[in-house]
N, C-alpha and C. Protein backbone atom coordinates (compact mmCIF):
# COMPACT_ATOMS: atom_id res chain seq x y z
N MET A 1 119.06 93.99 103.85
CA MET A 1 118.65 95.36 103.73
C MET A 1 118.69 96.02 105.10
N LYS A 2 119.10 97.28 105.10
CA LYS A 2 119.18 98.04 106.34
C LYS A 2 118.15 99.16 106.32
N PHE A 3 117.52 99.39 107.48
CA PHE A 3 116.45 100.37 107.57
C PHE A 3 116.63 101.29 108.77
N LEU A 4 116.10 102.50 108.60
CA LEU A 4 116.01 103.49 109.66
C LEU A 4 114.54 103.82 109.82
N ALA A 5 113.97 103.52 110.97
CA ALA A 5 112.56 103.80 111.22
C ALA A 5 112.42 105.18 111.85
N ASN A 6 111.52 105.97 111.32
CA ASN A 6 111.26 107.28 111.88
C ASN A 6 110.64 107.13 113.27
N GLU A 7 110.64 108.21 114.03
CA GLU A 7 110.11 108.16 115.40
C GLU A 7 108.63 107.81 115.46
N ASN A 8 107.92 107.99 114.36
CA ASN A 8 106.48 107.70 114.37
C ASN A 8 106.17 106.22 114.15
N MET A 9 107.19 105.40 114.05
CA MET A 9 107.00 103.97 113.86
C MET A 9 106.88 103.28 115.22
N PRO A 10 105.80 102.53 115.45
CA PRO A 10 105.64 101.85 116.74
C PRO A 10 106.79 100.86 117.03
N MET A 11 107.21 100.83 118.28
CA MET A 11 108.30 99.93 118.69
C MET A 11 107.97 98.48 118.39
N GLU A 12 106.71 98.10 118.52
CA GLU A 12 106.32 96.71 118.26
C GLU A 12 106.58 96.32 116.81
N VAL A 13 106.39 97.27 115.89
CA VAL A 13 106.67 97.01 114.47
C VAL A 13 108.16 96.78 114.28
N ILE A 14 108.96 97.60 114.91
CA ILE A 14 110.42 97.46 114.80
C ILE A 14 110.85 96.10 115.34
N THR A 15 110.30 95.71 116.47
CA THR A 15 110.62 94.40 117.06
C THR A 15 110.24 93.28 116.10
N GLN A 16 109.06 93.35 115.50
CA GLN A 16 108.62 92.30 114.58
C GLN A 16 109.50 92.23 113.33
N LEU A 17 109.91 93.38 112.80
CA LEU A 17 110.80 93.38 111.63
C LEU A 17 112.17 92.82 111.98
N LYS A 18 112.67 93.18 113.15
CA LYS A 18 113.96 92.63 113.59
C LYS A 18 113.88 91.12 113.75
N GLU A 19 112.76 90.62 114.29
CA GLU A 19 112.58 89.18 114.46
C GLU A 19 112.59 88.45 113.12
N LYS A 20 112.22 89.15 112.06
CA LYS A 20 112.25 88.57 110.71
C LYS A 20 113.62 88.72 110.06
N GLY A 21 114.57 89.30 110.79
CA GLY A 21 115.94 89.37 110.30
C GLY A 21 116.36 90.68 109.67
N TYR A 22 115.51 91.69 109.72
CA TYR A 22 115.86 92.97 109.12
C TYR A 22 116.74 93.79 110.06
N ASP A 23 117.75 94.43 109.49
CA ASP A 23 118.65 95.31 110.21
C ASP A 23 117.94 96.66 110.31
N LEU A 24 117.55 97.04 111.53
CA LEU A 24 116.69 98.20 111.70
C LEU A 24 117.02 98.93 112.99
N ILE A 25 117.14 100.26 112.88
CA ILE A 25 117.25 101.10 114.07
C ILE A 25 116.18 102.17 113.97
N ARG A 26 115.84 102.73 115.11
CA ARG A 26 114.84 103.80 115.16
C ARG A 26 115.56 105.13 115.35
N VAL A 27 115.07 106.18 114.71
CA VAL A 27 115.70 107.49 114.76
C VAL A 27 116.00 107.91 116.20
N ASP A 28 115.05 107.74 117.10
CA ASP A 28 115.29 108.20 118.46
C ASP A 28 116.27 107.33 119.24
N ASP A 29 116.72 106.20 118.65
CA ASP A 29 117.83 105.46 119.24
C ASP A 29 119.13 106.24 119.06
N VAL A 30 119.16 107.07 118.03
CA VAL A 30 120.33 107.89 117.74
C VAL A 30 120.22 109.24 118.45
N LYS A 31 119.07 109.92 118.22
CA LYS A 31 118.83 111.22 118.86
C LYS A 31 117.35 111.56 118.75
N LYS A 32 116.74 111.90 119.84
CA LYS A 32 115.32 112.27 119.85
C LYS A 32 115.13 113.65 119.22
N GLY A 33 114.01 113.79 118.52
CA GLY A 33 113.63 115.09 117.98
C GLY A 33 114.44 115.59 116.81
N MET A 34 115.05 114.70 116.05
CA MET A 34 115.84 115.12 114.89
C MET A 34 114.94 115.76 113.84
N SER A 35 115.47 116.76 113.14
CA SER A 35 114.73 117.36 112.04
C SER A 35 114.65 116.37 110.88
N ASP A 36 113.70 116.58 109.98
CA ASP A 36 113.58 115.71 108.81
C ASP A 36 114.86 115.71 107.99
N SER A 37 115.48 116.88 107.83
CA SER A 37 116.74 116.96 107.07
C SER A 37 117.84 116.14 107.73
N ALA A 38 117.90 116.19 109.05
CA ALA A 38 118.90 115.41 109.79
C ALA A 38 118.63 113.92 109.66
N VAL A 39 117.35 113.54 109.63
CA VAL A 39 116.99 112.13 109.45
C VAL A 39 117.44 111.65 108.08
N LEU A 40 117.22 112.45 107.04
CA LEU A 40 117.68 112.06 105.69
C LEU A 40 119.19 111.93 105.65
N THR A 41 119.88 112.86 106.26
CA THR A 41 121.35 112.81 106.31
C THR A 41 121.82 111.54 107.02
N LEU A 42 121.16 111.21 108.13
CA LEU A 42 121.51 109.99 108.88
C LEU A 42 121.27 108.74 108.03
N SER A 43 120.18 108.71 107.29
CA SER A 43 119.89 107.52 106.48
C SER A 43 120.96 107.32 105.41
N ILE A 44 121.45 108.41 104.85
CA ILE A 44 122.52 108.31 103.84
C ILE A 44 123.82 107.86 104.51
N LYS A 45 124.17 108.52 105.61
CA LYS A 45 125.41 108.20 106.33
C LYS A 45 125.44 106.74 106.78
N GLU A 46 124.30 106.25 107.28
CA GLU A 46 124.21 104.88 107.79
C GLU A 46 123.84 103.86 106.70
N ASN A 47 123.62 104.35 105.47
CA ASN A 47 123.28 103.48 104.34
C ASN A 47 122.00 102.68 104.61
N LYS A 48 120.96 103.41 105.08
CA LYS A 48 119.71 102.77 105.48
C LYS A 48 118.52 103.41 104.76
N ILE A 49 117.56 102.59 104.41
CA ILE A 49 116.30 103.04 103.82
C ILE A 49 115.40 103.54 104.95
N LEU A 50 114.81 104.72 104.79
CA LEU A 50 113.94 105.30 105.80
C LEU A 50 112.53 104.74 105.67
N ILE A 51 111.95 104.34 106.80
CA ILE A 51 110.54 103.92 106.86
C ILE A 51 109.81 104.95 107.72
N THR A 52 108.72 105.52 107.18
CA THR A 52 108.04 106.59 107.89
C THR A 52 106.56 106.68 107.53
N PHE A 53 105.81 107.32 108.39
CA PHE A 53 104.43 107.72 108.10
C PHE A 53 104.37 109.20 107.70
N ASP A 54 105.49 109.89 107.74
CA ASP A 54 105.56 111.34 107.56
C ASP A 54 105.70 111.71 106.08
N LYS A 55 104.63 112.25 105.50
CA LYS A 55 104.65 112.57 104.07
C LYS A 55 105.50 113.79 103.75
N ASP A 56 105.96 114.53 104.77
CA ASP A 56 106.84 115.68 104.52
C ASP A 56 108.14 115.28 103.83
N PHE A 57 108.54 114.03 103.94
CA PHE A 57 109.77 113.60 103.30
C PHE A 57 109.67 113.66 101.77
N GLY A 58 108.48 113.48 101.24
CA GLY A 58 108.29 113.63 99.79
C GLY A 58 108.60 115.04 99.34
N GLU A 59 108.14 116.01 100.09
CA GLU A 59 108.42 117.41 99.77
C GLU A 59 109.92 117.69 99.87
N LYS A 60 110.55 117.17 100.91
CA LYS A 60 111.99 117.38 101.08
C LYS A 60 112.78 116.85 99.88
N VAL A 61 112.39 115.68 99.42
CA VAL A 61 113.13 115.03 98.33
C VAL A 61 112.79 115.63 96.97
N PHE A 62 111.51 115.77 96.67
CA PHE A 62 111.12 116.16 95.32
C PHE A 62 111.04 117.67 95.11
N ARG A 63 110.60 118.40 96.10
CA ARG A 63 110.47 119.85 95.94
C ARG A 63 111.74 120.57 96.34
N ASN A 64 112.38 120.09 97.41
CA ASN A 64 113.57 120.78 97.93
C ASN A 64 114.88 120.15 97.47
N GLY A 65 114.80 119.05 96.72
CA GLY A 65 116.00 118.44 96.14
C GLY A 65 116.93 117.76 97.11
N LYS A 66 116.43 117.36 98.27
CA LYS A 66 117.27 116.64 99.24
C LYS A 66 117.56 115.23 98.74
N SER A 67 118.74 114.74 99.04
CA SER A 67 119.11 113.37 98.70
C SER A 67 118.55 112.42 99.74
N ALA A 68 118.37 111.17 99.34
CA ALA A 68 117.92 110.13 100.26
C ALA A 68 118.40 108.79 99.75
N LYS A 69 118.72 107.93 100.66
CA LYS A 69 119.11 106.55 100.31
C LYS A 69 117.94 105.81 99.71
N GLY A 70 116.76 106.10 100.23
CA GLY A 70 115.50 105.48 99.82
C GLY A 70 114.49 105.73 100.92
N ILE A 71 113.22 105.84 100.53
CA ILE A 71 112.17 106.12 101.51
C ILE A 71 110.99 105.20 101.25
N LEU A 72 110.52 104.59 102.32
CA LEU A 72 109.31 103.78 102.29
C LEU A 72 108.27 104.54 103.12
N LEU A 73 107.34 105.21 102.43
CA LEU A 73 106.32 106.02 103.08
C LEU A 73 105.05 105.19 103.23
N LEU A 74 104.61 105.03 104.45
CA LEU A 74 103.40 104.27 104.74
C LEU A 74 102.21 105.22 104.71
N ARG A 75 101.28 104.99 103.79
CA ARG A 75 100.12 105.87 103.61
C ARG A 75 98.84 105.07 103.75
N PHE A 76 98.62 104.56 104.93
CA PHE A 76 97.37 103.86 105.24
C PHE A 76 97.08 104.06 106.72
N VAL A 77 95.84 103.86 107.08
CA VAL A 77 95.45 104.02 108.47
C VAL A 77 96.05 102.87 109.28
N PRO A 78 96.89 103.19 110.26
CA PRO A 78 97.53 102.14 111.06
C PRO A 78 96.57 101.57 112.09
N LYS A 79 95.69 100.69 111.64
CA LYS A 79 94.64 100.14 112.51
C LYS A 79 95.20 99.28 113.63
N SER A 80 96.34 98.65 113.37
CA SER A 80 96.99 97.84 114.41
C SER A 80 98.47 97.68 114.07
N VAL A 81 99.23 97.35 115.08
CA VAL A 81 100.66 97.10 114.89
C VAL A 81 100.86 95.93 113.93
N ASP A 82 100.05 94.88 114.08
CA ASP A 82 100.18 93.72 113.20
C ASP A 82 99.89 94.08 111.75
N LEU A 83 98.91 94.94 111.50
CA LEU A 83 98.61 95.37 110.14
C LEU A 83 99.80 96.11 109.53
N ILE A 84 100.40 96.99 110.30
CA ILE A 84 101.57 97.73 109.81
C ILE A 84 102.69 96.75 109.45
N SER A 85 103.01 95.86 110.37
CA SER A 85 104.09 94.89 110.14
C SER A 85 103.80 94.00 108.94
N LYS A 86 102.58 93.49 108.86
CA LYS A 86 102.22 92.60 107.74
C LYS A 86 102.32 93.31 106.40
N ARG A 87 101.89 94.57 106.36
CA ARG A 87 101.94 95.31 105.10
C ARG A 87 103.39 95.56 104.67
N ILE A 88 104.23 95.95 105.61
CA ILE A 88 105.65 96.17 105.30
C ILE A 88 106.30 94.86 104.87
N LEU A 89 106.10 93.80 105.64
CA LEU A 89 106.73 92.51 105.33
C LEU A 89 106.25 91.96 103.99
N SER A 90 104.98 92.09 103.71
CA SER A 90 104.44 91.63 102.43
C SER A 90 105.13 92.34 101.28
N PHE A 91 105.32 93.64 101.42
CA PHE A 91 106.00 94.40 100.37
C PHE A 91 107.47 93.99 100.26
N LEU A 92 108.16 93.91 101.38
CA LEU A 92 109.59 93.61 101.35
C LEU A 92 109.88 92.22 100.79
N GLU A 93 108.99 91.27 101.03
CA GLU A 93 109.19 89.92 100.51
C GLU A 93 109.10 89.87 98.99
N LYS A 94 108.40 90.83 98.38
CA LYS A 94 108.22 90.85 96.93
C LYS A 94 109.17 91.82 96.23
N SER A 95 109.75 92.74 96.96
CA SER A 95 110.54 93.80 96.36
C SER A 95 112.00 93.70 96.76
N HIS A 96 112.87 94.00 95.80
CA HIS A 96 114.30 93.89 96.08
C HIS A 96 115.02 95.22 95.93
N GLU A 97 114.57 96.08 95.05
CA GLU A 97 115.26 97.33 94.77
C GLU A 97 114.57 98.48 95.48
N LEU A 98 115.17 98.93 96.57
CA LEU A 98 114.61 100.04 97.33
C LEU A 98 115.51 101.27 97.30
N GLU A 99 116.77 101.07 96.97
CA GLU A 99 117.70 102.18 96.96
C GLU A 99 117.33 103.19 95.89
N ASN A 100 117.44 104.46 96.25
CA ASN A 100 117.13 105.58 95.36
C ASN A 100 115.69 105.56 94.87
N LYS A 101 114.81 105.00 95.68
CA LYS A 101 113.38 104.93 95.35
C LYS A 101 112.58 105.61 96.47
N PHE A 102 111.51 106.28 96.05
CA PHE A 102 110.52 106.80 96.98
C PHE A 102 109.29 105.94 96.79
N ILE A 103 109.00 105.13 97.78
CA ILE A 103 107.94 104.13 97.68
C ILE A 103 106.79 104.54 98.59
N VAL A 104 105.62 104.65 98.02
CA VAL A 104 104.42 104.95 98.81
C VAL A 104 103.65 103.64 98.93
N LEU A 105 103.58 103.15 100.14
CA LEU A 105 102.93 101.88 100.43
C LEU A 105 101.55 102.15 101.01
N GLU A 106 100.52 101.84 100.22
CA GLU A 106 99.15 102.03 100.66
C GLU A 106 98.57 100.66 101.00
N GLU A 107 97.34 100.63 101.49
CA GLU A 107 96.72 99.36 101.85
C GLU A 107 96.59 98.43 100.66
N ASP A 108 96.23 98.99 99.52
CA ASP A 108 95.92 98.14 98.36
C ASP A 108 96.78 98.40 97.13
N ARG A 109 97.79 99.26 97.23
CA ARG A 109 98.66 99.49 96.09
C ARG A 109 99.99 100.08 96.53
N VAL A 110 100.92 100.09 95.57
CA VAL A 110 102.25 100.61 95.81
C VAL A 110 102.59 101.56 94.66
N ARG A 111 103.14 102.72 95.00
CA ARG A 111 103.63 103.65 93.99
C ARG A 111 105.12 103.84 94.21
N ILE A 112 105.88 103.84 93.12
CA ILE A 112 107.34 103.95 93.22
C ILE A 112 107.84 105.02 92.26
N ARG A 113 108.67 105.91 92.79
CA ARG A 113 109.32 106.94 91.98
C ARG A 113 110.81 106.89 92.25
N ASP A 114 111.58 107.21 91.22
CA ASP A 114 113.03 107.31 91.41
C ASP A 114 113.36 108.59 92.16
N ILE A 115 114.38 108.53 92.98
CA ILE A 115 114.92 109.70 93.66
C ILE A 115 116.19 110.09 92.93
N LYS A 116 116.21 111.29 92.41
CA LYS A 116 117.41 111.78 91.73
C LYS A 116 118.42 112.20 92.79
N GLN A 117 119.62 111.68 92.67
CA GLN A 117 120.67 112.01 93.63
C GLN A 117 121.42 113.24 93.17
N SER A 118 121.67 114.14 94.13
CA SER A 118 122.40 115.37 93.79
C SER A 118 123.87 115.21 94.04
């Protein structure tokens, strides 16, 4: 699986995910300060699932009809880098289908919605 981490993702989390074998780049490795629309376009172009803490992506996809390869939205208090990494890894180890899905990952539950492609 390939991932694109939004700029709000701590570098330590990216390092830990890479150490577990995940193909991952951070948005600001490509260009700093990209708009949300540009980030979605990049994720599609690069065939990568977006990982973010930014809930605005839900509005972009569902209200504004933007396409997305897939989005993993983290909706919990990031108490530590290890907590973030463990929560993501725990989910990824159990889940296989992330494409065309909007996944809200909370501390104690997961919500998944299909993303309609335009």
